[in-house]
Amino acid sequence: MLQLEHITKAFNPGKATEVVAVQDMTFRLEAESYAVLVGANGSGKSTLLNLIAGSVYADKGKIWLDAREIQRLPDYRRSRWIARVFQNPLTGTASSLSILDNFRMAALRRSPKRLKLGVDAAFKRAVTEKVATLGMGLEHKLTQPMGTLSGGQRQALTLLMTTMADVDILLLDEPTAALDPRSAREVMAIADRIIRENRLTALLVTHNIAEALRYGTRLIQMENGKIIRDYDQQAKSTLAQAEVVSWFDYY
């Protein structure tokens, strides 16, 4: 379970340009739940993900992962339990390394940070089997540099790499925003399967209302750094796309 207690984060505090991105937020994600977060630009969505991942620290409040207090842990230490897929397919992987070496780096997420990029036959076989489940033919291209792949291929592999280290939480930061519609559908279907099969706790940030209604078991809206709507699975199932779109009509 992930729990935020009275979290506040401001940028440029005390100055005329001060922005309070997250305001006194208390928020909980139950284990194996899948929440979708929507909101206008500047509502605090990305800051919330950064606070959870450890990219920025809260000014006030506490963050708990199960019984572990993590709000002062840096992102590289939280990566043992928390994986993140970014909007830009070029972020989060090593472009110059092969697919196989990227998977090896992902597998070391819970290991001491030592340079151990050796790959044996058993590891290569395991990666081949995992990559084959994507149905993209990439299992035959494991020596190809990650940076030569399409955005959709790279996002799909990034999602799959989260399963190499047995993480608990998956943060999806607009993972389809830079993709064409077909690739976006494929990546979201892959994400949904990985979340279900690995029983992950997931938080998806999206501007795509169709995605927001189709995926997840909870729908949350942020505005001015606060949660203003929070629908559980039953309530979410009654929402129409036009109704959710109307939440943003005044922007």
C-alpha atoms as a PDB file:
ATOM      1  CA  MET A   1       0.000   0.000   0.000  1.00  0.00           C
ATOM      2  CA  LEU A   2       1.194   3.512  -0.891  1.00  0.00           C
ATOM      3  CA  GLN A   3       0.078   6.309   1.403  1.00  0.00           C
ATOM      4  CA  LEU A   4       0.704  10.073   1.305  1.00  0.00           C
ATOM      5  CA  GLU A   5      -0.127  12.014   4.452  1.00  0.00           C
ATOM      6  CA  HIS A   6      -0.618  15.807   4.285  1.00  0.00           C
ATOM      7  CA  ILE A   7       1.921  16.239   1.487  1.00  0.00           C
ATOM      8  CA  THR A   8       2.705  19.771   0.315  1.00  0.00           C
ATOM      9  CA  LYS A   9       5.150  20.833  -2.393  1.00  0.00           C
ATOM     10  CA  ALA A  10       5.811  24.437  -3.462  1.00  0.00           C
ATOM     11  CA  PHE A  11       8.221  25.778  -6.050  1.00  0.00           C
ATOM     12  CA  ASN A  12       9.941  29.164  -5.589  1.00  0.00           C
ATOM     13  CA  PRO A  13       8.548  29.476  -2.052  1.00  0.00           C
ATOM     14  CA  GLY A  14       8.309  32.971  -0.662  1.00  0.00           C
ATOM     15  CA  LYS A  15       8.738  34.610  -4.060  1.00  0.00           C
ATOM     16  CA  ALA A  16       6.267  36.320  -6.370  1.00  0.00           C
ATOM     17  CA  THR A  17       6.568  33.309  -8.676  1.00  0.00           C
ATOM     18  CA  GLU A  18       5.692  30.811  -5.938  1.00  0.00           C
ATOM     19  CA  VAL A  19       3.550  27.886  -7.122  1.00  0.00           C
ATOM     20  CA  VAL A  20       2.041  25.402  -4.673  1.00  0.00           C
ATOM     21  CA  ALA A  21       1.900  22.336  -6.897  1.00  0.00           C
ATOM     22  CA  VAL A  22       0.508  19.910  -4.289  1.00  0.00           C
ATOM     23  CA  GLN A  23      -1.492  21.191  -1.336  1.00  0.00           C
ATOM     24  CA  ASP A  24      -1.875  19.240   1.911  1.00  0.00           C
ATOM     25  CA  MET A  25      -2.692  16.040   0.037  1.00  0.00           C
ATOM     26  CA  THR A  26      -3.650  12.820   1.782  1.00  0.00           C
ATOM     27  CA  PHE A  27      -3.939   9.984  -0.686  1.00  0.00           C
ATOM     28  CA  ARG A  28      -3.807   6.198  -0.537  1.00  0.00           C
ATOM     29  CA  LEU A  29      -3.359   3.492  -3.139  1.00  0.00           C
ATOM     30  CA  GLU A  30      -4.301   0.041  -1.922  1.00  0.00           C
ATOM     31  CA  ALA A  31      -2.079  -2.872  -2.927  1.00  0.00           C
ATOM     32  CA  GLU A  32      -2.834  -4.163  -6.448  1.00  0.00           C
ATOM     33  CA  SER A  33      -5.146  -1.248  -7.218  1.00  0.00           C
ATOM     34  CA  TYR A  34      -4.961   0.644 -10.527  1.00  0.00           C
ATOM     35  CA  ALA A  35      -5.812   4.343 -10.361  1.00  0.00           C
ATOM     36  CA  VAL A  36      -6.047   6.804 -13.236  1.00  0.00           C
ATOM     37  CA  LEU A  37      -5.240  10.465 -12.623  1.00  0.00           C
ATOM     38  CA  VAL A  38      -6.551  13.275 -14.833  1.00  0.00           C
ATOM     39  CA  GLY A  39      -6.355  17.036 -14.619  1.00  0.00           C
ATOM     40  CA  ALA A  40      -5.589  20.155 -16.612  1.00  0.00           C
ATOM     41  CA  ASN A  41      -2.009  21.258 -17.239  1.00  0.00           C
ATOM     42  CA  GLY A  42      -0.603  22.691 -14.022  1.00  0.00           C
ATOM     43  CA  SER A  43      -2.991  20.796 -11.766  1.00  0.00           C
ATOM     44  CA  GLY A  44      -0.127  18.988 -10.006  1.00  0.00           C
ATOM     45  CA  LYS A  45      -0.255  15.549 -11.626  1.00  0.00           C
ATOM     46  CA  SER A  46       3.389  15.325 -12.654  1.00  0.00           C
ATOM     47  CA  THR A  47       4.547  16.795  -9.353  1.00  0.00           C
ATOM     48  CA  LEU A  48       2.577  14.111  -7.526  1.00  0.00           C
ATOM     49  CA  LEU A  49       4.333  11.385  -9.530  1.00  0.00           C
ATOM     50  CA  ASN A  50       7.694  13.057  -8.908  1.00  0.00           C
ATOM     51  CA  LEU A  51       6.978  13.090  -5.171  1.00  0.00           C
ATOM     52  CA  ILE A  52       6.114   9.402  -5.191  1.00  0.00           C
ATOM     53  CA  ALA A  53       9.138   8.465  -7.314  1.00  0.00           C
ATOM     54  CA  GLY A  54      11.522  10.649  -5.293  1.00  0.00           C
ATOM     55  CA  SER A  55      12.506  13.017  -8.113  1.00  0.00           C
ATOM     56  CA  VAL A  56      11.520  15.871  -5.799  1.00  0.00           C
ATOM     57  CA  TYR A  57      10.999  15.950  -2.050  1.00  0.00           C
ATOM     58  CA  ALA A  58       7.921  17.160  -0.231  1.00  0.00           C
ATOM     59  CA  ASP A  59       8.122  20.321   1.871  1.00  0.00           C
ATOM     60  CA  LYS A  60       5.724  18.840   4.411  1.00  0.00           C
ATOM     61  CA  GLY A  61       4.091  15.493   5.077  1.00  0.00           C
ATOM     62  CA  LYS A  62       5.021  11.845   4.895  1.00  0.00           C
ATOM     63  CA  ILE A  63       5.013   9.101   2.270  1.00  0.00           C
ATOM     64  CA  TRP A  64       4.700   5.465   3.244  1.00  0.00           C
ATOM     65  CA  LEU A  65       5.163   2.308   1.206  1.00  0.00           C
ATOM     66  CA  ASP A  66       3.644  -0.437   3.320  1.00  0.00           C
ATOM     67  CA  ALA A  67       5.364   0.059   6.712  1.00  0.00           C
ATOM     68  CA  ARG A  68       8.346   1.863   5.173  1.00  0.00           C
ATOM     69  CA  GLU A  69       8.635   5.652   5.402  1.00  0.00           C
ATOM     70  CA  ILE A  70      10.182   6.768   2.112  1.00  0.00           C
ATOM     71  CA  GLN A  71       9.692  10.516   1.696  1.00  0.00           C
ATOM     72  CA  ARG A  72      13.392  11.274   2.262  1.00  0.00           C
ATOM     73  CA  LEU A  73      14.755   8.423   0.177  1.00  0.00           C
ATOM     74  CA  PRO A  74      16.265   9.485  -3.182  1.00  0.00           C
ATOM     75  CA  ASP A  75      14.763   8.176  -6.400  1.00  0.00           C
ATOM     76  CA  TYR A  76      17.538   5.617  -7.024  1.00  0.00           C
ATOM     77  CA  ARG A  77      16.734   3.930  -3.706  1.00  0.00           C
ATOM     78  CA  ARG A  78      12.973   4.006  -4.279  1.00  0.00           C
ATOM     79  CA  SER A  79      13.557   2.352  -7.672  1.00  0.00           C
ATOM     80  CA  ARG A  80      13.888  -0.956  -5.826  1.00  0.00           C
ATOM     81  CA  TRP A  81      10.118  -0.805  -5.306  1.00  0.00           C
ATOM     82  CA  ILE A  82       8.834   1.837  -7.727  1.00  0.00           C
ATOM     83  CA  ALA A  83       9.138   1.759 -11.534  1.00  0.00           C
ATOM     84  CA  ARG A  84       8.201   4.591 -13.856  1.00  0.00           C
ATOM     85  CA  VAL A  85       7.404   4.906 -17.545  1.00  0.00           C
ATOM     86  CA  PHE A  86       7.696   8.437 -18.918  1.00  0.00           C
ATOM     87  CA  GLN A  87       5.924  10.316 -21.682  1.00  0.00           C
ATOM     88  CA  ASN A  88       9.059  10.460 -23.809  1.00  0.00           C
ATOM     89  CA  PRO A  89      10.018   6.977 -25.105  1.00  0.00           C
ATOM     90  CA  LEU A  90      13.691   8.077 -25.012  1.00  0.00           C
ATOM     91  CA  THR A  91      13.587   8.516 -21.231  1.00  0.00           C
ATOM     92  CA  GLY A  92      14.257   5.714 -18.799  1.00  0.00           C
ATOM     93  CA  THR A  93      16.410   3.461 -20.979  1.00  0.00           C
ATOM     94  CA  ALA A  94      19.979   3.555 -22.306  1.00  0.00           C
ATOM     95  CA  SER A  95      19.804   4.359 -26.017  1.00  0.00           C
ATOM     96  CA  SER A  96      23.285   3.121 -26.861  1.00  0.00           C
ATOM     97  CA  LEU A  97      22.913  -0.225 -25.104  1.00  0.00           C
ATOM     98  CA  SER A  98      21.226  -3.242 -26.645  1.00  0.00           C
ATOM     99  CA  ILE A  99      17.766  -4.450 -25.700  1.00  0.00           C
ATOM    100  CA  LEU A 100      19.376  -7.300 -23.786  1.00  0.00           C
ATOM    101  CA  ASP A 101      21.702  -5.036 -21.793  1.00  0.00           C
ATOM    102  CA  ASN A 102      18.803  -2.746 -20.926  1.00  0.00           C
ATOM    103  CA  PHE A 103      16.955  -5.739 -19.518  1.00  0.00           C
ATOM    104  CA  ARG A 104      20.043  -6.689 -17.529  1.00  0.00           C
ATOM    105  CA  MET A 105      20.163  -3.197 -16.013  1.00  0.00           C
ATOM    106  CA  ALA A 106      16.477  -3.474 -15.128  1.00  0.00           C
ATOM    107  CA  ALA A 107      17.099  -6.846 -13.457  1.00  0.00           C
ATOM    108  CA  LEU A 108      19.716  -5.243 -11.200  1.00  0.00           C
ATOM    109  CA  ARG A 109      17.208  -2.746  -9.815  1.00  0.00           C
ATOM    110  CA  ARG A 110      17.021  -4.559  -6.475  1.00  0.00           C
ATOM    111  CA  SER A 111      20.697  -5.481  -6.412  1.00  0.00           C
ATOM    112  CA  PRO A 112      23.628  -3.457  -5.067  1.00  0.00           C
ATOM    113  CA  LYS A 113      24.688  -0.852  -7.620  1.00  0.00           C
ATOM    114  CA  ARG A 114      27.668  -2.612  -9.145  1.00  0.00           C
ATOM    115  CA  LEU A 115      28.709  -2.891 -12.766  1.00  0.00           C
ATOM    116  CA  LYS A 116      27.430  -6.386 -13.552  1.00  0.00           C
ATOM    117  CA  LEU A 117      26.241  -6.382 -17.125  1.00  0.00           C
ATOM    118  CA  GLY A 118      27.273  -9.919 -17.945  1.00  0.00           C
ATOM    119  CA  VAL A 119      24.543 -11.972 -19.623  1.00  0.00           C
ATOM    120  CA  ASP A 120      24.482 -15.750 -19.537  1.00  0.00           C
ATOM    121  CA  ALA A 121      22.477 -18.156 -21.688  1.00  0.00           C
ATOM    122  CA  ALA A 122      19.744 -18.605 -19.083  1.00  0.00           C
ATOM    123  CA  PHE A 123      19.201 -14.857 -18.759  1.00  0.00           C
ATOM    124  CA  LYS A 124      19.102 -14.378 -22.520  1.00  0.00           C
ATOM    125  CA  ARG A 125      16.560 -17.185 -22.818  1.00  0.00           C
ATOM    126  CA  ALA A 126      14.370 -15.639 -20.121  1.00  0.00           C
ATOM    127  CA  VAL A 127      14.463 -12.226 -21.826  1.00  0.00           C
ATOM    128  CA  THR A 128      13.726 -13.797 -25.208  1.00  0.00           C
ATOM    129  CA  GLU A 129      10.632 -15.485 -23.800  1.00  0.00           C
ATOM    130  CA  LYS A 130       9.415 -12.264 -22.165  1.00  0.00           C
ATOM    131  CA  VAL A 131       9.966 -10.121 -25.243  1.00  0.00           C
ATOM    132  CA  ALA A 132       8.206 -12.676 -27.443  1.00  0.00           C
ATOM    133  CA  THR A 133       4.996 -12.078 -25.464  1.00  0.00           C
ATOM    134  CA  LEU A 134       4.827  -8.579 -26.986  1.00  0.00           C
ATOM    135  CA  GLY A 135       4.171 -10.042 -30.427  1.00  0.00           C
ATOM    136  CA  MET A 136       6.456  -7.482 -32.068  1.00  0.00           C
ATOM    137  CA  GLY A 137       9.225  -9.806 -33.254  1.00  0.00           C
ATOM    138  CA  LEU A 138      11.763  -8.024 -31.063  1.00  0.00           C
ATOM    139  CA  GLU A 139      12.914 -11.290 -29.500  1.00  0.00           C
ATOM    140  CA  HIS A 140      14.986 -11.729 -32.674  1.00  0.00           C
ATOM    141  CA  LYS A 141      16.649  -8.316 -32.248  1.00  0.00           C
ATOM    142  CA  LEU A 142      17.997  -8.423 -28.692  1.00  0.00           C
ATOM    143  CA  THR A 143      21.424  -7.140 -29.769  1.00  0.00           C
ATOM    144  CA  GLN A 144      19.903  -4.075 -31.460  1.00  0.00           C
ATOM    145  CA  PRO A 145      20.523  -0.731 -29.670  1.00  0.00           C
ATOM    146  CA  MET A 146      17.450   0.496 -27.824  1.00  0.00           C
ATOM    147  CA  GLY A 147      17.755   3.906 -29.443  1.00  0.00           C
ATOM    148  CA  THR A 148      17.086   2.506 -32.921  1.00  0.00           C
ATOM    149  CA  LEU A 149      13.583   1.325 -32.046  1.00  0.00           C
ATOM    150  CA  SER A 150      10.294   3.113 -32.664  1.00  0.00           C
ATOM    151  CA  GLY A 151       8.608   4.959 -29.810  1.00  0.00           C
ATOM    152  CA  GLY A 152       5.934   2.293 -29.444  1.00  0.00           C
ATOM    153  CA  GLN A 153       8.476  -0.530 -29.376  1.00  0.00           C
ATOM    154  CA  ARG A 154      10.562   1.279 -26.803  1.00  0.00           C
ATOM    155  CA  GLN A 155       7.610   2.002 -24.518  1.00  0.00           C
ATOM    156  CA  ALA A 156       6.480  -1.624 -24.751  1.00  0.00           C
ATOM    157  CA  LEU A 157       9.951  -2.853 -23.775  1.00  0.00           C
ATOM    158  CA  THR A 158      10.189  -0.294 -20.968  1.00  0.00           C
ATOM    159  CA  LEU A 159       6.947  -1.633 -19.533  1.00  0.00           C
ATOM    160  CA  LEU A 160       8.189  -5.201 -19.817  1.00  0.00           C
ATOM    161  CA  MET A 161      11.444  -4.320 -18.068  1.00  0.00           C
ATOM    162  CA  THR A 162       9.491  -3.384 -14.945  1.00  0.00           C
ATOM    163  CA  THR A 163       8.816  -7.107 -14.454  1.00  0.00           C
ATOM    164  CA  MET A 164      12.528  -7.929 -14.216  1.00  0.00           C
ATOM    165  CA  ALA A 165      13.003  -6.646 -10.671  1.00  0.00           C
ATOM    166  CA  ASP A 166       9.720  -7.533  -8.975  1.00  0.00           C
ATOM    167  CA  VAL A 167       8.769  -3.922  -8.191  1.00  0.00           C
ATOM    168  CA  ASP A 168       5.602  -3.139  -6.255  1.00  0.00           C
ATOM    169  CA  ILE A 169       4.406   0.083  -7.886  1.00  0.00           C
ATOM    170  CA  LEU A 170       4.241   1.203 -11.512  1.00  0.00           C
ATOM    171  CA  LEU A 171       3.899   4.908 -12.333  1.00  0.00           C
ATOM    172  CA  LEU A 172       2.746   5.631 -15.883  1.00  0.00           C
ATOM    173  CA  ASP A 173       3.367   9.283 -16.754  1.00  0.00           C
ATOM    174  CA  GLU A 174       1.362   9.844 -19.963  1.00  0.00           C
ATOM    175  CA  PRO A 175       3.080   6.855 -21.599  1.00  0.00           C
ATOM    176  CA  THR A 176       1.170   7.170 -24.894  1.00  0.00           C
ATOM    177  CA  ALA A 177       1.249  10.964 -25.361  1.00  0.00           C
ATOM    178  CA  ALA A 178       4.115  10.812 -27.876  1.00  0.00           C
ATOM    179  CA  LEU A 179       2.775   7.821 -29.825  1.00  0.00           C
ATOM    180  CA  ASP A 180       0.533   7.453 -32.839  1.00  0.00           C
ATOM    181  CA  PRO A 181      -2.975   6.108 -32.082  1.00  0.00           C
ATOM    182  CA  ARG A 182      -2.215   2.507 -33.073  1.00  0.00           C
ATOM    183  CA  SER A 183       0.979   2.344 -31.006  1.00  0.00           C
ATOM    184  CA  ALA A 184      -0.826   4.018 -28.116  1.00  0.00           C
ATOM    185  CA  ARG A 185      -3.511   1.312 -28.099  1.00  0.00           C
ATOM    186  CA  GLU A 186      -0.883  -1.430 -28.210  1.00  0.00           C
ATOM    187  CA  VAL A 187       1.148   0.075 -25.381  1.00  0.00           C
ATOM    188  CA  MET A 188      -1.899   0.553 -23.143  1.00  0.00           C
ATOM    189  CA  ALA A 189      -3.025  -3.032 -23.743  1.00  0.00           C
ATOM    190  CA  ILE A 190       0.468  -4.250 -22.833  1.00  0.00           C
ATOM    191  CA  ALA A 191       0.505  -2.079 -19.711  1.00  0.00           C
ATOM    192  CA  ASP A 192      -2.877  -3.411 -18.626  1.00  0.00           C
ATOM    193  CA  ARG A 193      -1.724  -7.011 -19.068  1.00  0.00           C
ATOM    194  CA  ILE A 194       1.536  -6.462 -17.188  1.00  0.00           C
ATOM    195  CA  ILE A 195      -0.258  -4.761 -14.300  1.00  0.00           C
ATOM    196  CA  ARG A 196      -2.788  -7.587 -13.987  1.00  0.00           C
ATOM    197  CA  GLU A 197      -0.374 -10.497 -14.454  1.00  0.00           C
ATOM    198  CA  ASN A 198       2.189  -9.107 -12.003  1.00  0.00           C
ATOM    199  CA  ARG A 199      -0.405  -7.823  -9.538  1.00  0.00           C
ATOM    200  CA  LEU A 200       1.150  -4.369  -9.486  1.00  0.00           C
ATOM    201  CA  THR A 201      -0.142  -1.260  -7.797  1.00  0.00           C
ATOM    202  CA  ALA A 202      -0.396   1.265 -10.629  1.00  0.00           C
ATOM    203  CA  LEU A 203      -1.018   4.980 -11.119  1.00  0.00           C
ATOM    204  CA  LEU A 204      -1.627   6.239 -14.666  1.00  0.00           C
ATOM    205  CA  VAL A 205      -1.539   9.938 -15.571  1.00  0.00           C
ATOM    206  CA  THR A 206      -3.274  10.664 -18.869  1.00  0.00           C
ATOM    207  CA  HIS A 207      -4.964  13.424 -20.845  1.00  0.00           C
ATOM    208  CA  ASN A 208      -6.738  10.814 -22.959  1.00  0.00           C
ATOM    209  CA  ILE A 209     -10.289  10.572 -21.594  1.00  0.00           C
ATOM    210  CA  ALA A 210     -11.000   7.337 -23.461  1.00  0.00           C
ATOM    211  CA  GLU A 211      -7.962   5.746 -21.777  1.00  0.00           C
ATOM    212  CA  ALA A 212      -8.987   7.174 -18.416  1.00  0.00           C
ATOM    213  CA  LEU A 213     -12.400   5.495 -18.635  1.00  0.00           C
ATOM    214  CA  ARG A 214     -11.242   2.229 -20.153  1.00  0.00           C
ATOM    215  CA  TYR A 215      -8.372   1.405 -17.807  1.00  0.00           C
ATOM    216  CA  GLY A 216      -7.985   1.215 -14.070  1.00  0.00           C
ATOM    217  CA  THR A 217     -10.292   0.637 -11.144  1.00  0.00           C
ATOM    218  CA  ARG A 218     -10.370   4.216  -9.859  1.00  0.00           C
ATOM    219  CA  LEU A 219     -10.566   7.668 -11.468  1.00  0.00           C
ATOM    220  CA  ILE A 220      -9.129  10.748  -9.752  1.00  0.00           C
ATOM    221  CA  GLN A 221      -9.153  14.385 -10.862  1.00  0.00           C
ATOM    222  CA  MET A 222      -6.664  16.958  -9.607  1.00  0.00           C
ATOM    223  CA  GLU A 223      -7.075  20.725  -9.693  1.00  0.00           C
ATOM    224  CA  ASN A 224      -4.761  23.351  -8.174  1.00  0.00           C
ATOM    225  CA  GLY A 225      -2.741  20.719  -6.368  1.00  0.00           C
ATOM    226  CA  LYS A 226      -5.735  19.021  -4.764  1.00  0.00           C
ATOM    227  CA  ILE A 227      -7.915  16.004  -5.464  1.00  0.00           C
ATOM    228  CA  ILE A 228     -11.384  17.288  -6.314  1.00  0.00           C
ATOM    229  CA  ARG A 229     -12.991  14.088  -7.646  1.00  0.00           C
ATOM    230  CA  ASP A 230     -12.333  10.472  -6.679  1.00  0.00           C
ATOM    231  CA  TYR A 231     -14.451   7.677  -8.181  1.00  0.00           C
ATOM    232  CA  ASP A 232     -14.155   4.020  -7.237  1.00  0.00           C
ATOM    233  CA  GLN A 233     -14.655   1.292  -9.820  1.00  0.00           C
ATOM    234  CA  GLN A 234     -18.420   1.137  -9.478  1.00  0.00           C
ATOM    235  CA  ALA A 235     -18.910   4.904  -9.722  1.00  0.00           C
ATOM    236  CA  LYS A 236     -16.406   5.162 -12.550  1.00  0.00           C
ATOM    237  CA  SER A 237     -18.315   2.600 -14.606  1.00  0.00           C
ATOM    238  CA  THR A 238     -21.335   4.934 -14.703  1.00  0.00           C
ATOM    239  CA  LEU A 239     -19.393   7.854 -16.221  1.00  0.00           C
ATOM    240  CA  ALA A 240     -19.792   8.801 -19.875  1.00  0.00           C
ATOM    241  CA  GLN A 241     -16.927  10.277 -21.849  1.00  0.00           C
ATOM    242  CA  ALA A 242     -18.852  13.520 -22.469  1.00  0.00           C
ATOM    243  CA  GLU A 243     -19.345  13.975 -18.726  1.00  0.00           C
ATOM    244  CA  VAL A 244     -15.629  13.652 -17.998  1.00  0.00           C
ATOM    245  CA  VAL A 245     -14.786  16.003 -20.871  1.00  0.00           C
ATOM    246  CA  SER A 246     -17.181  18.555 -19.330  1.00  0.00           C
ATOM    247  CA  TRP A 247     -14.984  18.687 -16.227  1.00  0.00           C
ATOM    248  CA  PHE A 248     -12.446  20.602 -18.325  1.00  0.00           C
ATOM    249  CA  ASP A 249     -14.781  22.768 -20.402  1.00  0.00           C
ATOM    250  CA  TYR A 250     -13.908  25.941 -18.514  1.00  0.00           C
ATOM    251  CA  TYR A 251     -10.174  25.701 -19.256  1.00  0.00           C
END
